[in-house]
Amino acid sequence: MENKNITMNLIIKQMVETDAMAYNRDYLASSTDSEFGIFNKAYQDKGKLYAKLSLAVQNNNCISDNCVYEIKQLRQLDNAPAASIDFMEVLNSELMVTEEDSYDVNNYYGYLVAYCITTNKPGFSKNDGYDVNLYLNEDGSQTIVFSGPSLKEDLVINSFTLKALIDSDTSLVVSTPDINKDMLRLLTEVGLFDPEFVDVEKEQLKSNAKILDEFILKTETGEPDYRIIDIGNGKGKNVLQFDMEKIQAKIDPFINAEVAGLLSSEQDAVAAWNVYIGRGSSVDEDAQMVQDANAGSLSWSYEEDLPLSQDKKVEFESKYKEYFINNYLKEFMTNKFPTVKEDAAVFDLEEAKQNKAQKFLDDNNLN
C-alpha cells in the first residue's frame, strides 16, 4: 500500500529542489505574497490589552483578588516578544532538518510544508493558499498554526510542548545520524587494523590500510589459503581469503556497543534504519540517486513503532552488522593480492588447476 506521507514528502522535496518554477510563465507573471506578518498579527491588539490591564491595576479595579490575574497577564505580555523570538528560533532549528541530504521522508510531511512556508519557498505563498498565525495564550505559552492546501489539517505547535520535547532530547523532526562518519570511525576501533593505518585526526583509516595478518585464512601449514581468480586469457591470480568467523568474533563487541549507543535514542535508530540500514544502501549509492534511498515497505514508523520492540532491536543490530561488513569492511577483503611477490604473480589457470589437483592427491596419499 502506498505511504501517502512518504509520497507527499518526495513530491514537495522535488518541487522545491527543482528549477522548474523558473520556467513556469504563469507563475512568473503572477504576484507572490509571502509576507505573513506573523509577529504583527500576533501583537496587533496587545498594546490595547496591556494598557487596559495596567489601568485596572493602577485603579485597583481588577476582576481578580489583589489583581493577581492582571499582574500575571502583564508579566506575560512583557516577556512575550522575547518568548516569541525564542519559540521561532527553536522551531526553525527543528524544521531545518527537512533540508538535510539524509532527511528521512518518514518524518511527518507537514513539517516540511511548515518550513517551506516560513522560508518563502515558491508555491507556498499566501497567493497559493498558505498562511501561518501565532497566538499568545493565557497560560503564557504560544501557539503557531500552519495552514494550506497540501495539509490535510492545520499543523498546530505549542511553545511549551515543543520546549518539553526538546528538553527531553526528543526531536520534532528527526535528523538522520551520520552513518558514514560513524562507520568510518568504527573501522578504526574494531581491532582488525594496525594502529599505523589510522588517521587519528580524521577518525578513519588511511588509504593504504590492510587487515592484520592474523585474520587471513591459513592452511594447516600456516601458509595463506589463496583463492584463484580468472583474469582472462587463460590466466589467473591468487587473492587472499579471510577468516570471517574470527573477524566476526572480533568486531561483534564493538558493533554491539555502537548499536547500543544508537538505540539509546530510538528516534535516531529509526531514521538510520529508514534511510540506510533497512534497505542496505550505501552513502555512495544514495549520492547517485535523485532522491536518497529509503526503506520503502521496510520503513519503521515514528508514530507506530516507537518505542521499538525487542524484535526490532535485534533486527536492527543484525542489519547494522551486515551493513557495516558489506559497505565498509568488504572493500578491505575483496581481491586483495598476496604480499609475497612470487605468490602475487600471474599464472596459467590450467596449469594451476593441475598442480592443485596433484597436491590434493599427494596430501591424501591417493597416487
Protein backbone atom coordinates (compact mmCIF):
# COMPACT_ATOMS: atom_id res chain seq x y z
CA MET A 1 0.00 0.00 0.00
CA GLU A 2 1.29 3.44 -0.89
CA ASN A 3 2.53 5.51 2.03
CA LYS A 4 0.95 8.92 1.41
CA ASN A 5 3.25 10.64 3.91
CA ILE A 6 6.37 9.43 2.07
CA THR A 7 4.80 10.36 -1.27
CA MET A 8 3.97 13.89 -0.11
CA ASN A 9 7.48 14.35 1.28
CA LEU A 10 9.05 13.25 -2.01
CA ILE A 11 6.71 15.40 -4.14
CA ILE A 12 7.35 18.53 -2.06
CA LYS A 13 11.09 17.84 -1.95
CA GLN A 14 11.20 17.52 -5.72
CA MET A 15 9.08 20.64 -6.13
CA VAL A 16 11.28 22.91 -4.00
CA GLU A 17 14.60 21.48 -5.23
CA THR A 18 13.84 21.65 -8.94
CA ASP A 19 14.31 24.73 -11.13
CA ALA A 20 11.05 24.08 -12.95
CA MET A 21 9.24 27.02 -11.33
CA ALA A 22 11.64 29.39 -13.09
CA TYR A 23 10.24 28.22 -16.44
CA ASN A 24 6.57 28.40 -15.46
CA ARG A 25 5.36 31.56 -17.26
CA ASP A 26 2.05 31.69 -15.42
CA TYR A 27 3.85 31.55 -12.08
CA LEU A 28 6.36 34.21 -13.15
CA ALA A 29 3.58 36.52 -14.30
CA SER A 30 1.62 36.23 -11.05
CA SER A 31 2.12 38.33 -7.93
CA THR A 32 3.52 36.43 -4.95
CA ASP A 33 2.76 37.48 -1.39
CA SER A 34 4.95 35.74 1.17
CA GLU A 35 4.65 38.40 3.86
CA PHE A 36 2.72 36.52 6.50
CA GLY A 37 3.36 39.16 9.18
CA ILE A 38 3.46 36.57 11.93
CA PHE A 39 4.52 38.90 14.75
CA ASN A 40 2.45 41.85 13.54
CA LYS A 41 -0.75 39.83 13.60
CA ALA A 42 0.08 38.25 16.96
CA TYR A 43 0.66 41.58 18.70
CA GLN A 44 -1.70 43.92 16.85
CA ASP A 45 -4.20 44.20 19.75
CA LYS A 46 -1.82 43.54 22.63
CA GLY A 47 -0.99 47.22 23.17
CA LYS A 48 -4.60 47.98 24.00
CA LEU A 49 -4.82 44.95 26.25
CA TYR A 50 -1.64 45.97 28.07
CA ALA A 51 -2.98 49.49 28.65
CA LYS A 52 -6.32 48.12 29.90
CA LEU A 53 -4.66 45.75 32.36
CA SER A 54 -2.24 48.42 33.58
CA LEU A 55 -5.08 50.86 34.20
CA ALA A 56 -7.04 48.23 36.09
CA VAL A 57 -4.06 47.54 38.36
CA GLN A 58 -3.37 51.25 38.92
CA ASN A 59 -7.01 51.96 39.82
CA ASN A 60 -7.34 48.71 41.77
CA ASN A 61 -10.25 47.89 39.52
CA CYS A 62 -9.33 44.28 38.83
CA ILE A 63 -11.60 41.30 38.34
CA SER A 64 -9.31 39.13 40.48
CA ASP A 65 -8.43 39.42 44.15
CA ASN A 66 -5.39 41.67 44.68
CA CYS A 67 -5.08 41.94 40.86
CA VAL A 68 -3.25 38.60 40.77
CA TYR A 69 -4.60 37.66 37.35
CA GLU A 70 -3.97 41.11 35.83
CA ILE A 71 -0.40 41.34 37.13
CA LYS A 72 0.33 37.85 35.81
CA GLN A 73 -1.02 38.79 32.38
CA LEU A 74 1.09 41.97 32.33
CA ARG A 75 4.24 40.00 33.14
CA GLN A 76 3.43 37.52 30.38
CA LEU A 77 2.93 40.36 27.90
CA ASP A 78 6.26 41.89 28.97
CA ASN A 79 8.01 38.58 28.33
CA ALA A 80 6.03 37.61 25.23
CA PRO A 81 8.19 39.24 22.50
CA ALA A 82 11.38 37.55 23.71
CA ALA A 83 9.45 34.29 24.14
CA SER A 84 8.14 34.58 20.57
CA ILE A 85 11.65 35.01 19.22
CA ASP A 86 12.92 32.03 21.24
CA PHE A 87 9.97 29.91 20.11
CA MET A 88 10.56 30.69 16.43
CA GLU A 89 14.30 30.05 16.72
CA VAL A 90 13.77 26.64 18.34
CA LEU A 91 11.03 25.75 15.85
CA ASN A 92 13.13 26.78 12.84
CA SER A 93 16.11 24.79 14.09
CA GLU A 94 13.83 21.72 14.13
CA LEU A 95 12.22 22.42 10.75
CA MET A 96 15.65 22.99 9.12
CA VAL A 97 16.25 19.25 9.39
CA THR A 98 13.95 18.86 6.36
CA GLU A 99 16.72 20.39 4.21
CA GLU A 100 19.34 17.81 5.15
CA ASP A 101 20.55 15.49 2.37
CA SER A 102 19.77 12.46 4.54
CA TYR A 103 16.30 13.70 5.58
CA ASP A 104 14.06 10.75 6.43
CA VAL A 105 10.88 11.06 4.37
CA ASN A 106 9.06 9.08 7.07
CA ASN A 107 9.03 12.26 9.16
CA TYR A 108 5.62 13.95 9.04
CA TYR A 109 5.48 15.89 5.77
CA GLY A 110 3.64 18.77 7.46
CA TYR A 111 6.93 19.90 8.99
CA LEU A 112 8.41 20.18 5.50
CA VAL A 113 5.39 22.26 4.44
CA ALA A 114 5.85 24.49 7.50
CA TYR A 115 9.50 25.06 6.63
CA CYS A 116 8.59 25.89 3.04
CA ILE A 117 6.08 28.48 4.31
CA THR A 118 8.48 30.15 6.77
CA THR A 119 11.34 30.25 4.25
CA ASN A 120 9.21 31.64 1.40
CA LYS A 121 9.68 28.70 -0.95
CA PRO A 122 7.97 29.08 -4.36
CA GLY A 123 4.48 27.59 -4.31
CA PHE A 124 3.92 28.18 -0.58
CA SER A 125 2.84 31.84 -0.51
CA LYS A 126 -0.41 33.46 0.64
CA ASN A 127 -1.46 33.54 -3.02
CA ASP A 128 -1.08 29.76 -3.07
CA GLY A 129 -3.47 29.46 -0.13
CA TYR A 130 -0.96 29.13 2.71
CA ASP A 131 -0.98 31.01 5.99
CA VAL A 132 0.71 30.97 9.38
CA ASN A 133 -0.52 32.57 12.60
CA LEU A 134 0.96 32.98 16.06
CA TYR A 135 -1.29 33.15 19.12
CA LEU A 136 -0.46 34.24 22.68
CA ASN A 137 -2.18 32.05 25.25
CA GLU A 138 -3.35 32.96 28.75
CA ASP A 139 -1.06 30.38 30.34
CA GLY A 140 1.97 32.17 28.88
CA SER A 141 2.54 29.66 26.14
CA GLN A 142 2.33 30.50 22.45
CA THR A 143 0.78 28.52 19.61
CA ILE A 144 1.70 28.65 15.94
CA VAL A 145 -0.72 27.36 13.31
CA PHE A 146 0.25 26.49 9.72
CA SER A 147 -2.48 26.01 7.13
CA GLY A 148 -2.65 25.42 3.40
CA PRO A 149 -3.95 23.21 0.60
CA SER A 150 -1.31 20.47 0.94
CA LEU A 151 -2.07 19.99 4.64
CA LYS A 152 -4.90 17.62 5.44
CA GLU A 153 -5.40 19.53 8.69
CA ASP A 154 -3.78 22.57 10.27
CA LEU A 155 -0.37 21.96 11.82
CA VAL A 156 -0.56 23.27 15.40
CA ILE A 157 2.53 23.55 17.63
CA ASN A 158 2.56 24.85 21.21
CA SER A 159 5.71 26.52 22.56
CA PHE A 160 5.59 24.85 25.99
CA THR A 161 5.08 21.41 24.45
CA LEU A 162 7.92 21.93 21.98
CA LYS A 163 10.27 23.02 24.77
CA ALA A 164 9.33 19.96 26.84
CA LEU A 165 10.15 17.71 23.87
CA ILE A 166 13.50 19.37 23.23
CA ASP A 167 14.42 19.31 26.93
CA SER A 168 13.76 15.55 26.96
CA ASP A 169 16.06 15.05 23.92
CA THR A 170 13.11 14.28 21.65
CA SER A 171 13.10 15.83 18.19
CA LEU A 172 10.13 17.24 16.33
CA VAL A 173 11.84 16.37 13.04
CA VAL A 174 14.38 13.56 13.35
CA SER A 175 17.83 14.18 11.90
CA THR A 176 19.37 11.04 10.42
CA PRO A 177 22.65 10.06 12.13
CA ASP A 178 25.81 10.40 10.05
CA ILE A 179 26.16 6.67 9.42
CA ASN A 180 29.08 7.16 7.02
CA LYS A 181 31.11 9.05 9.61
CA ASP A 182 30.20 6.58 12.36
CA MET A 183 31.19 3.54 10.34
CA LEU A 184 34.45 5.03 9.09
CA ARG A 185 35.33 5.66 12.73
CA LEU A 186 34.17 2.16 13.70
CA LEU A 187 36.63 0.66 11.21
CA THR A 188 39.47 2.19 13.24
CA GLU A 189 38.15 0.76 16.50
CA VAL A 190 37.31 -2.89 15.75
CA GLY A 191 40.89 -4.16 16.10
CA LEU A 192 41.33 -5.52 12.56
CA PHE A 193 43.94 -2.95 11.50
CA ASP A 194 47.34 -1.93 12.78
CA PRO A 195 47.21 1.49 14.54
CA GLU A 196 49.74 2.80 11.98
CA PHE A 197 46.93 2.73 9.39
CA VAL A 198 44.65 5.00 11.46
CA ASP A 199 44.34 8.72 10.74
CA VAL A 200 43.62 9.85 14.29
CA GLU A 201 42.67 13.40 13.32
CA LYS A 202 40.12 12.32 10.68
CA GLU A 203 38.99 9.28 12.72
CA GLN A 204 39.24 6.99 9.72
CA LEU A 205 41.63 4.56 8.06
CA LYS A 206 44.39 5.66 5.74
CA SER A 207 44.10 4.73 2.07
CA ASN A 208 46.80 2.05 2.37
CA ALA A 209 45.18 0.23 5.30
CA LYS A 210 45.35 -3.58 5.33
CA ILE A 211 43.70 -6.13 7.60
CA LEU A 212 46.11 -7.71 10.08
CA ASP A 213 47.78 -10.97 9.06
CA GLU A 214 46.15 -12.88 11.94
CA PHE A 215 42.75 -12.56 10.19
CA ILE A 216 43.97 -14.03 6.88
CA LEU A 217 42.76 -17.56 6.26
CA LYS A 218 45.66 -20.03 6.54
CA THR A 219 46.32 -23.64 5.61
CA GLU A 220 47.32 -26.26 8.18
CA THR A 221 50.96 -25.39 7.47
CA GLY A 222 50.38 -21.73 8.25
CA GLU A 223 50.56 -20.54 4.66
CA PRO A 224 47.86 -18.22 3.21
CA ASP A 225 44.97 -20.23 1.77
CA TYR A 226 44.58 -18.41 -1.52
CA ARG A 227 41.57 -18.29 -3.79
CA ILE A 228 42.28 -18.26 -7.53
CA ILE A 229 40.53 -15.69 -9.72
CA ASP A 230 40.28 -15.74 -13.51
CA ILE A 231 41.70 -12.54 -15.02
CA GLY A 232 41.08 -13.61 -18.64
CA ASN A 233 43.07 -15.15 -21.49
CA GLY A 234 43.56 -18.34 -19.51
CA LYS A 235 45.48 -16.52 -16.79
CA GLY A 236 44.82 -16.32 -13.08
CA LYS A 237 46.00 -14.70 -9.84
CA ASN A 238 45.94 -15.58 -6.19
CA VAL A 239 43.85 -13.48 -3.82
CA LEU A 240 43.77 -13.62 -0.06
CA GLN A 241 40.90 -15.21 1.82
CA PHE A 242 39.88 -14.00 5.27
CA ASP A 243 38.75 -15.87 8.35
CA MET A 244 35.21 -14.47 8.69
CA GLU A 245 34.47 -16.45 11.84
CA LYS A 246 37.46 -14.90 13.56
CA ILE A 247 36.68 -11.44 12.15
CA GLN A 248 33.05 -11.54 13.32
CA ALA A 249 34.11 -12.65 16.79
CA LYS A 250 36.47 -9.66 16.90
CA ILE A 251 34.08 -6.99 15.64
CA ASP A 252 30.89 -8.14 17.42
CA PRO A 253 31.57 -6.42 20.80
CA PHE A 254 32.36 -3.11 19.07
CA ILE A 255 29.26 -3.26 16.87
CA ASN A 256 27.09 -4.20 19.84
CA ALA A 257 28.37 -1.15 21.72
CA GLU A 258 27.77 1.10 18.69
CA VAL A 259 24.22 -0.22 18.28
CA ALA A 260 23.52 0.26 21.98
CA GLY A 261 24.54 3.89 21.62
CA LEU A 262 22.22 4.39 18.66
CA LEU A 263 19.33 2.67 20.39
CA SER A 264 19.70 4.99 23.38
CA SER A 265 17.89 7.45 21.10
CA GLU A 266 15.32 5.30 19.35
CA GLN A 267 14.28 8.16 17.07
CA ASP A 268 17.82 8.22 15.67
CA ALA A 269 17.79 4.45 15.23
CA VAL A 270 14.52 4.62 13.26
CA ALA A 271 15.95 7.34 11.00
CA ALA A 272 19.13 5.33 10.41
CA TRP A 273 17.03 2.26 9.62
CA ASN A 274 14.73 4.10 7.22
CA VAL A 275 17.44 5.92 5.28
CA TYR A 276 20.29 3.38 5.27
CA ILE A 277 20.19 0.21 7.33
CA GLY A 278 16.81 -1.25 6.37
CA ARG A 279 17.40 -1.14 2.64
CA GLY A 280 21.14 -1.64 2.87
CA SER A 281 22.03 1.24 0.53
CA SER A 282 25.41 2.88 0.97
CA VAL A 283 26.05 6.62 1.20
CA ASP A 284 27.72 6.49 -2.24
CA GLU A 285 24.70 4.73 -3.76
CA ASP A 286 22.37 7.36 -2.33
CA ALA A 287 24.53 10.13 -3.78
CA GLN A 288 23.85 8.77 -7.27
CA MET A 289 20.07 8.85 -6.81
CA VAL A 290 17.66 11.70 -7.46
CA GLN A 291 16.23 11.09 -4.00
CA ASP A 292 18.04 9.39 -1.16
CA ALA A 293 17.08 5.77 -0.81
CA ASN A 294 14.55 4.89 1.82
CA ALA A 295 13.45 1.57 3.23
CA GLY A 296 10.08 1.80 1.47
CA SER A 297 7.83 -1.01 2.65
CA LEU A 298 10.50 -1.92 5.21
CA SER A 299 10.27 1.52 6.83
CA TRP A 300 9.59 1.90 10.52
CA SER A 301 7.02 4.46 11.63
CA TYR A 302 7.84 7.06 14.28
CA GLU A 303 4.20 7.02 15.38
CA GLU A 304 3.54 3.29 15.34
CA ASP A 305 6.90 1.60 16.02
CA LEU A 306 8.19 3.69 18.92
CA PRO A 307 9.14 2.51 21.44
CA LEU A 308 10.93 -0.21 19.49
CA SER A 309 10.07 -3.81 20.31
CA GLN A 310 12.82 -6.23 21.30
CA ASP A 311 12.41 -8.00 17.95
CA LYS A 312 13.10 -4.76 16.08
CA LYS A 313 16.13 -4.02 18.24
CA VAL A 314 17.56 -7.45 17.45
CA GLU A 315 16.80 -6.95 13.75
CA PHE A 316 18.46 -3.53 13.83
CA GLU A 317 21.62 -4.97 15.37
CA SER A 318 21.78 -7.77 12.80
CA LYS A 319 21.23 -5.47 9.82
CA TYR A 320 23.66 -2.87 11.20
CA LYS A 321 26.40 -5.50 11.33
CA GLU A 322 25.52 -6.67 7.82
CA TYR A 323 25.57 -3.07 6.57
CA PHE A 324 28.98 -2.43 8.17
CA ILE A 325 30.52 -5.56 6.65
CA ASN A 326 29.04 -5.12 3.16
CA ASN A 327 29.55 -1.38 2.73
CA TYR A 328 32.70 -0.67 4.73
CA LEU A 329 34.69 -3.77 5.69
CA LYS A 330 34.24 -5.76 2.48
CA GLU A 331 36.46 -3.47 0.41
CA PHE A 332 39.43 -4.49 2.58
CA MET A 333 38.76 -8.17 1.89
CA THR A 334 37.89 -8.16 -1.82
CA ASN A 335 40.55 -9.10 -4.41
CA LYS A 336 43.44 -8.43 -2.07
CA PHE A 337 46.64 -9.80 -3.57
CA PRO A 338 49.43 -11.55 -1.64
CA THR A 339 52.32 -9.51 -0.29
CA VAL A 340 54.74 -12.28 -1.27
CA LYS A 341 55.98 -11.39 -4.76
CA GLU A 342 56.03 -14.96 -6.09
CA ASP A 343 52.50 -15.66 -4.86
CA ALA A 344 51.21 -12.42 -6.43
CA ALA A 345 52.46 -13.30 -9.94
CA VAL A 346 50.13 -14.05 -12.86
CA PHE A 347 49.99 -17.74 -13.77
CA ASP A 348 48.41 -20.19 -16.22
CA LEU A 349 44.99 -21.26 -14.93
CA GLU A 350 45.02 -24.76 -16.38
CA GLU A 351 48.46 -25.48 -15.00
CA ALA A 352 47.41 -24.17 -11.58
CA LYS A 353 44.35 -26.43 -11.56
CA GLN A 354 46.51 -29.45 -12.39
CA ASN A 355 49.00 -28.54 -9.68
CA LYS A 356 46.20 -28.11 -7.16
CA ALA A 357 44.69 -31.47 -8.10
CA GLN A 358 48.09 -33.17 -7.80
CA LYS A 359 48.66 -31.54 -4.41
CA PHE A 360 45.30 -32.86 -3.22
CA LEU A 361 46.30 -36.38 -4.34
CA ASP A 362 49.69 -36.09 -2.64
CA ASP A 363 48.25 -34.71 0.63
CA ASN A 364 45.72 -37.53 0.82
CA ASN A 365 48.00 -40.36 -0.38
CA LEU A 366 45.76 -41.04 -3.36
CA ASN A 367 48.52 -41.52 -6.02
